[in-house]
């Protein structure tokens, strides 16, 4: 669910460039690295719905207690 970025040295500019970033439709980038060894930037898998509704993660009904909230 978490992917760390890979870097390669750009010989012309002498800076680290990220290579092979994951798909933007499946992962969201979080954090930033000032240099390649810092380890703050990472990618997390993105879900369009609540995790309780995803049958791959929770094959059974939700393990959480849920209550219907009403205004008033």
PDB file of N, CA and C in Angstrom:
ATOM      1  N   UNK A   1       0.804  -1.189   0.000  1.00  0.00           N
ATOM      2  CA  UNK A   1       0.000   0.000   0.000  1.00  0.00           C
ATOM      3  C   UNK A   1       0.852   1.259   0.000  1.00  0.00           C
ATOM      4  N   UNK A   2       2.094   1.167   0.429  1.00  0.00           N
ATOM      5  CA  UNK A   2       2.997   2.321   0.431  1.00  0.00           C
ATOM      6  C   UNK A   2       4.181   2.013  -0.462  1.00  0.00           C
ATOM      7  N   UNK A   3       4.516   2.951  -1.351  1.00  0.00           N
ATOM      8  CA  UNK A   3       5.647   2.797  -2.264  1.00  0.00           C
ATOM      9  C   UNK A   3       6.592   3.967  -2.042  1.00  0.00           C
ATOM     10  N   UNK A   4       7.861   3.660  -1.889  1.00  0.00           N
ATOM     11  CA  UNK A   4       8.873   4.702  -1.749  1.00  0.00           C
ATOM     12  C   UNK A   4       9.423   5.031  -3.133  1.00  0.00           C
ATOM     13  N   UNK A   5       9.759   6.301  -3.397  1.00  0.00           N
ATOM     14  CA  UNK A   5      10.268   6.679  -4.719  1.00  0.00           C
ATOM     15  C   UNK A   5      11.696   6.182  -4.939  1.00  0.00           C
ATOM     16  N   UNK A   6      12.049   6.030  -6.222  1.00  0.00           N
ATOM     17  CA  UNK A   6      13.407   5.644  -6.616  1.00  0.00           C
ATOM     18  C   UNK A   6      14.040   6.832  -7.316  1.00  0.00           C
ATOM     19  N   UNK A   7      15.316   7.062  -7.068  1.00  0.00           N
ATOM     20  CA  UNK A   7      16.010   8.207  -7.630  1.00  0.00           C
ATOM     21  C   UNK A   7      17.210   7.768  -8.451  1.00  0.00           C
ATOM     22  N   UNK A   8      17.564   8.615  -9.427  1.00  0.00           N
ATOM     23  CA  UNK A   8      18.752   8.393 -10.242  1.00  0.00           C
ATOM     24  C   UNK A   8      19.420   9.746 -10.445  1.00  0.00           C
ATOM     25  N   UNK A   9      20.727   9.776 -10.436  1.00  0.00           N
ATOM     26  CA  UNK A   9      21.478  11.017 -10.586  1.00  0.00           C
ATOM     27  C   UNK A   9      21.421  11.498 -12.034  1.00  0.00           C
ATOM     28  N   UNK A  10      21.012  12.742 -12.237  1.00  0.00           N
ATOM     29  CA  UNK A  10      21.026  13.386 -13.549  1.00  0.00           C
ATOM     30  C   UNK A  10      22.438  13.934 -13.739  1.00  0.00           C
ATOM     31  N   UNK A  11      23.194  13.350 -14.666  1.00  0.00           N
ATOM     32  CA  UNK A  11      24.599  13.709 -14.852  1.00  0.00           C
ATOM     33  C   UNK A  11      24.777  15.159 -15.303  1.00  0.00           C
ATOM     34  N   UNK A  12      23.863  15.651 -16.131  1.00  0.00           N
ATOM     35  CA  UNK A  12      23.999  17.008 -16.666  1.00  0.00           C
ATOM     36  C   UNK A  12      23.824  18.067 -15.585  1.00  0.00           C
ATOM     37  N   UNK A  13      22.791  17.912 -14.744  1.00  0.00           N
ATOM     38  CA  UNK A  13      22.502  18.912 -13.712  1.00  0.00           C
ATOM     39  C   UNK A  13      23.051  18.549 -12.334  1.00  0.00           C
ATOM     40  N   UNK A  14      23.535  17.324 -12.176  1.00  0.00           N
ATOM     41  CA  UNK A  14      24.069  16.836 -10.908  1.00  0.00           C
ATOM     42  C   UNK A  14      23.040  16.914  -9.782  1.00  0.00           C
ATOM     43  N   UNK A  15      21.797  16.489 -10.077  1.00  0.00           N
ATOM     44  CA  UNK A  15      20.726  16.410  -9.088  1.00  0.00           C
ATOM     45  C   UNK A  15      20.069  15.041  -9.196  1.00  0.00           C
ATOM     46  N   UNK A  16      19.430  14.628  -8.107  1.00  0.00           N
ATOM     47  CA  UNK A  16      18.696  13.361  -8.119  1.00  0.00           C
ATOM     48  C   UNK A  16      17.321  13.586  -8.733  1.00  0.00           C
ATOM     49  N   UNK A  17      16.957  12.725  -9.689  1.00  0.00           N
ATOM     50  CA  UNK A  17      15.645  12.782 -10.327  1.00  0.00           C
ATOM     51  C   UNK A  17      14.892  11.504  -9.989  1.00  0.00           C
ATOM     52  N   UNK A  18      13.590  11.638  -9.746  1.00  0.00           N
ATOM     53  CA  UNK A  18      12.761  10.470  -9.464  1.00  0.00           C
ATOM     54  C   UNK A  18      12.517   9.708 -10.761  1.00  0.00           C
ATOM     55  N   UNK A  19      12.636   8.381 -10.692  1.00  0.00           N
ATOM     56  CA  UNK A  19      12.385   7.540 -11.865  1.00  0.00           C
ATOM     57  C   UNK A  19      11.230   6.590 -11.568  1.00  0.00           C
ATOM     58  N   UNK A  20      10.497   6.225 -12.584  1.00  0.00           N
ATOM     59  CA  UNK A  20       9.381   5.273 -12.505  1.00  0.00           C
ATOM     60  C   UNK A  20       8.375   5.587 -11.395  1.00  0.00           C
ATOM     61  N   UNK A  21       7.758   6.772 -11.396  1.00  0.00           N
ATOM     62  CA  UNK A  21       6.726   7.032 -10.383  1.00  0.00           C
ATOM     63  C   UNK A  21       5.501   6.155 -10.634  1.00  0.00           C
ATOM     64  N   UNK A  22       4.767   5.766  -9.597  1.00  0.00           N
ATOM     65  CA  UNK A  22       3.578   4.926  -9.787  1.00  0.00           C
ATOM     66  C   UNK A  22       2.451   5.706 -10.463  1.00  0.00           C
ATOM     67  N   UNK A  23       1.457   4.999 -10.921  1.00  0.00           N
ATOM     68  CA  UNK A  23       0.307   5.595 -11.607  1.00  0.00           C
ATOM     69  C   UNK A  23      -0.429   6.578 -10.700  1.00  0.00           C
ATOM     70  N   UNK A  24      -0.767   7.748 -11.241  1.00  0.00           N
ATOM     71  CA  UNK A  24      -1.479   8.763 -10.453  1.00  0.00           C
ATOM     72  C   UNK A  24      -2.933   8.384 -10.214  1.00  0.00           C
ATOM     73  N   UNK A  25      -3.472   7.444 -10.978  1.00  0.00           N
ATOM     74  CA  UNK A  25      -4.853   7.017 -10.760  1.00  0.00           C
ATOM     75  C   UNK A  25      -4.966   6.040  -9.594  1.00  0.00           C
ATOM     76  N   UNK A  26      -3.869   5.365  -9.233  1.00  0.00           N
ATOM     77  CA  UNK A  26      -3.899   4.391  -8.141  1.00  0.00           C
ATOM     78  C   UNK A  26      -3.225   4.868  -6.864  1.00  0.00           C
ATOM     79  N   UNK A  27      -2.267   5.798  -6.983  1.00  0.00           N
ATOM     80  CA  UNK A  27      -1.491   6.236  -5.823  1.00  0.00           C
ATOM     81  C   UNK A  27      -1.490   7.750  -5.718  1.00  0.00           C
ATOM     82  N   UNK A  28      -1.387   8.249  -4.487  1.00  0.00           N
ATOM     83  CA  UNK A  28      -1.294   9.682  -4.232  1.00  0.00           C
ATOM     84  C   UNK A  28       0.065   9.952  -3.577  1.00  0.00           C
ATOM     85  N   UNK A  29       0.757  10.968  -4.086  1.00  0.00           N
ATOM     86  CA  UNK A  29       2.069  11.320  -3.553  1.00  0.00           C
ATOM     87  C   UNK A  29       1.953  12.179  -2.309  1.00  0.00           C
ATOM     88  N   UNK A  30       2.728  11.840  -1.291  1.00  0.00           N
ATOM     89  CA  UNK A  30       2.714  12.583  -0.031  1.00  0.00           C
ATOM     90  C   UNK A  30       4.145  12.921   0.374  1.00  0.00           C
ATOM     91  N   UNK A  31       4.337  14.107   0.914  1.00  0.00           N
ATOM     92  CA  UNK A  31       5.653  14.520   1.399  1.00  0.00           C
ATOM     93  C   UNK A  31       6.571  14.956   0.271  1.00  0.00           C
ATOM     94  N   UNK A  32       7.820  15.243   0.607  1.00  0.00           N
ATOM     95  CA  UNK A  32       8.822  15.616  -0.374  1.00  0.00           C
ATOM     96  C   UNK A  32      10.192  15.285   0.184  1.00  0.00           C
ATOM     97  N   UNK A  33      11.137  15.100  -0.712  1.00  0.00           N
ATOM     98  CA  UNK A  33      12.526  14.844  -0.337  1.00  0.00           C
ATOM     99  C   UNK A  33      13.394  15.971  -0.881  1.00  0.00           C
ATOM    100  N   UNK A  34      14.240  16.535  -0.033  1.00  0.00           N
ATOM    101  CA  UNK A  34      15.186  17.542  -0.494  1.00  0.00           C
ATOM    102  C   UNK A  34      16.375  16.881  -1.167  1.00  0.00           C
ATOM    103  N   UNK A  35      16.672  15.639  -0.781  1.00  0.00           N
ATOM    104  CA  UNK A  35      17.699  14.824  -1.437  1.00  0.00           C
ATOM    105  C   UNK A  35      17.241  13.370  -1.368  1.00  0.00           C
ATOM    106  N   UNK A  36      17.876  12.503  -2.130  1.00  0.00           N
ATOM    107  CA  UNK A  36      17.367  11.139  -2.319  1.00  0.00           C
ATOM    108  C   UNK A  36      17.372  10.277  -1.059  1.00  0.00           C
ATOM    109  N   UNK A  37      18.213  10.518  -0.095  1.00  0.00           N
ATOM    110  CA  UNK A  37      18.295   9.679   1.088  1.00  0.00           C
ATOM    111  C   UNK A  37      17.400  10.100   2.238  1.00  0.00           C
ATOM    112  N   UNK A  38      16.589  11.102   2.042  1.00  0.00           N
ATOM    113  CA  UNK A  38      15.807  11.656   3.144  1.00  0.00           C
ATOM    114  C   UNK A  38      14.657  10.749   3.572  1.00  0.00           C
ATOM    115  N   UNK A  39      13.938  10.149   2.634  1.00  0.00           N
ATOM    116  CA  UNK A  39      12.895   9.182   2.968  1.00  0.00           C
ATOM    117  C   UNK A  39      11.576   9.758   3.452  1.00  0.00           C
ATOM    118  N   UNK A  40      11.288  11.033   3.157  1.00  0.00           N
ATOM    119  CA  UNK A  40      10.006  11.617   3.573  1.00  0.00           C
ATOM    120  C   UNK A  40       8.930  11.433   2.512  1.00  0.00           C
ATOM    121  N   UNK A  41       9.304  11.461   1.232  1.00  0.00           N
ATOM    122  CA  UNK A  41       8.313  11.332   0.161  1.00  0.00           C
ATOM    123  C   UNK A  41       7.923   9.872   0.002  1.00  0.00           C
ATOM    124  N   UNK A  42       6.617   9.639  -0.169  1.00  0.00           N
ATOM    125  CA  UNK A  42       6.134   8.281  -0.415  1.00  0.00           C
ATOM    126  C   UNK A  42       4.802   8.367  -1.132  1.00  0.00           C
ATOM    127  N   UNK A  43       4.349   7.241  -1.627  1.00  0.00           N
ATOM    128  CA  UNK A  43       3.071   7.152  -2.328  1.00  0.00           C
ATOM    129  C   UNK A  43       2.186   6.174  -1.582  1.00  0.00           C
ATOM    130  N   UNK A  44       0.915   6.543  -1.422  1.00  0.00           N
ATOM    131  CA  UNK A  44      -0.054   5.661  -0.767  1.00  0.00           C
ATOM    132  C   UNK A  44      -1.156   5.301  -1.748  1.00  0.00           C
ATOM    133  N   UNK A  45      -1.635   4.081  -1.627  1.00  0.00           N
ATOM    134  CA  UNK A  45      -2.703   3.629  -2.501  1.00  0.00           C
ATOM    135  C   UNK A  45      -3.975   4.410  -2.209  1.00  0.00           C
ATOM    136  N   UNK A  46      -4.669   4.799  -3.269  1.00  0.00           N
ATOM    137  CA  UNK A  46      -5.847   5.640  -3.174  1.00  0.00           C
ATOM    138  C   UNK A  46      -7.098   4.803  -3.394  1.00  0.00           C
ATOM    139  N   UNK A  47      -8.107   4.984  -2.554  1.00  0.00           N
ATOM    140  CA  UNK A  47      -9.384   4.288  -2.691  1.00  0.00           C
ATOM    141  C   UNK A  47     -10.494   5.312  -2.905  1.00  0.00           C
ATOM    142  N   UNK A  48     -11.413   5.023  -3.823  1.00  0.00           N
ATOM    143  CA  UNK A  48     -12.503   5.952  -4.120  1.00  0.00           C
ATOM    144  C   UNK A  48     -13.645   5.857  -3.120  1.00  0.00           C
ATOM    145  N   UNK A  49     -13.710   4.803  -2.343  1.00  0.00           N
ATOM    146  CA  UNK A  49     -14.825   4.586  -1.433  1.00  0.00           C
ATOM    147  C   UNK A  49     -14.271   4.321  -0.035  1.00  0.00           C
ATOM    148  N   UNK A  50     -15.162   4.263   0.958  1.00  0.00           N
ATOM    149  CA  UNK A  50     -14.724   3.930   2.303  1.00  0.00           C
ATOM    150  C   UNK A  50     -14.110   2.533   2.309  1.00  0.00           C
ATOM    151  N   UNK A  51     -13.094   2.332   3.134  1.00  0.00           N
ATOM    152  CA  UNK A  51     -12.417   1.041   3.177  1.00  0.00           C
ATOM    153  C   UNK A  51     -13.343  -0.084   3.620  1.00  0.00           C
ATOM    154  N   UNK A  52     -14.341   0.240   4.440  1.00  0.00           N
ATOM    155  CA  UNK A  52     -15.273  -0.788   4.904  1.00  0.00           C
ATOM    156  C   UNK A  52     -16.078  -1.375   3.747  1.00  0.00           C
ATOM    157  N   UNK A  53     -16.258  -0.602   2.676  1.00  0.00           N
ATOM    158  CA  UNK A  53     -17.031  -1.071   1.532  1.00  0.00           C
ATOM    159  C   UNK A  53     -16.198  -1.838   0.519  1.00  0.00           C
ATOM    160  N   UNK A  54     -14.880  -1.878   0.678  1.00  0.00           N
ATOM    161  CA  UNK A  54     -13.999  -2.578  -0.248  1.00  0.00           C
ATOM    162  C   UNK A  54     -13.884  -4.039   0.177  1.00  0.00           C
ATOM    163  N   UNK A  55     -14.380  -4.947  -0.650  1.00  0.00           N
ATOM    164  CA  UNK A  55     -14.416  -6.380  -0.307  1.00  0.00           C
ATOM    165  C   UNK A  55     -13.033  -7.030  -0.329  1.00  0.00           C
ATOM    166  N   UNK A  56     -12.044  -6.429  -1.006  1.00  0.00           N
ATOM    167  CA  UNK A  56     -10.686  -6.983  -0.991  1.00  0.00           C
ATOM    168  C   UNK A  56     -10.028  -6.786   0.374  1.00  0.00           C
ATOM    169  N   UNK A  57     -10.290  -5.655   1.003  1.00  0.00           N
ATOM    170  CA  UNK A  57      -9.690  -5.355   2.303  1.00  0.00           C
ATOM    171  C   UNK A  57     -10.479  -6.004   3.424  1.00  0.00           C
ATOM    172  N   UNK A  58     -11.815  -5.852   3.382  1.00  0.00           N
ATOM    173  CA  UNK A  58     -12.694  -6.426   4.399  1.00  0.00           C
ATOM    174  C   UNK A  58     -13.675  -7.390   3.730  1.00  0.00           C
ATOM    175  N   UNK A  59     -13.344  -8.677   3.648  1.00  0.00           N
ATOM    176  CA  UNK A  59     -14.253  -9.625   2.998  1.00  0.00           C
ATOM    177  C   UNK A  59     -15.556  -9.832   3.783  1.00  0.00           C
ATOM    178  N   UNK A  60     -15.529  -9.621   5.092  1.00  0.00           N
ATOM    179  CA  UNK A  60     -16.739  -9.727   5.913  1.00  0.00           C
ATOM    180  C   UNK A  60     -17.373  -8.350   6.049  1.00  0.00           C
ATOM    181  N   UNK A  61     -18.567  -8.286   6.598  1.00  0.00           N
ATOM    182  CA  UNK A  61     -19.149  -6.966   6.890  1.00  0.00           C
ATOM    183  C   UNK A  61     -18.244  -6.182   7.845  1.00  0.00           C
ATOM    184  N   UNK A  62     -18.420  -4.908   7.884  1.00  0.00           N
ATOM    185  CA  UNK A  62     -17.555  -4.009   8.636  1.00  0.00           C
ATOM    186  C   UNK A  62     -17.321  -4.473  10.074  1.00  0.00           C
ATOM    187  N   UNK A  63     -16.050  -4.513  10.520  1.00  0.00           N
ATOM    188  CA  UNK A  63     -15.742  -4.872  11.905  1.00  0.00           C
ATOM    189  C   UNK A  63     -15.968  -3.710  12.867  1.00  0.00           C
ATOM    190  N   UNK A  64     -16.309  -2.542  12.341  1.00  0.00           N
ATOM    191  CA  UNK A  64     -16.503  -1.359  13.163  1.00  0.00           C
ATOM    192  C   UNK A  64     -17.967  -1.201  13.546  1.00  0.00           C
ATOM    193  N   UNK A  65     -18.196  -0.622  14.705  1.00  0.00           N
ATOM    194  CA  UNK A  65     -19.566  -0.290  15.090  1.00  0.00           C
ATOM    195  C   UNK A  65     -19.980   0.934  14.301  1.00  0.00           C
ATOM    196  N   UNK A  66     -21.195   0.919  13.780  1.00  0.00           N
ATOM    197  CA  UNK A  66     -21.670   2.081  13.035  1.00  0.00           C
ATOM    198  C   UNK A  66     -23.046   2.484  13.538  1.00  0.00           C
ATOM    199  N   UNK A  67     -23.286   3.769  13.535  1.00  0.00           N
ATOM    200  CA  UNK A  67     -24.540   4.315  14.012  1.00  0.00           C
ATOM    201  C   UNK A  67     -25.061   5.295  12.962  1.00  0.00           C
ATOM    202  N   UNK A  68     -26.368   5.293  12.767  1.00  0.00           N
ATOM    203  CA  UNK A  68     -26.963   6.254  11.865  1.00  0.00           C
ATOM    204  C   UNK A  68     -27.142   7.566  12.618  1.00  0.00           C
ATOM    205  N   UNK A  69     -26.579   8.636  12.076  1.00  0.00           N
ATOM    206  CA  UNK A  69     -26.681   9.941  12.723  1.00  0.00           C
ATOM    207  C   UNK A  69     -27.801  10.737  12.079  1.00  0.00           C
ATOM    208  N   UNK A  70     -28.555  11.399  12.917  1.00  0.00           N
ATOM    209  CA  UNK A  70     -29.650  12.235  12.441  1.00  0.00           C
ATOM    210  C   UNK A  70     -29.521  13.607  13.065  1.00  0.00           C
ATOM    211  N   UNK A  71     -29.881  14.587  12.294  1.00  0.00           N
ATOM    212  CA  UNK A  71     -29.837  15.961  12.787  1.00  0.00           C
ATOM    213  C   UNK A  71     -31.123  16.269  13.549  1.00  0.00           C
ATOM    214  N   UNK A  72     -30.970  16.944  14.691  1.00  0.00           N
ATOM    215  CA  UNK A  72     -32.170  17.387  15.384  1.00  0.00           C
ATOM    216  C   UNK A  72     -32.432  16.785  16.697  1.00  0.00           C
TER     217      UNK A  72
END
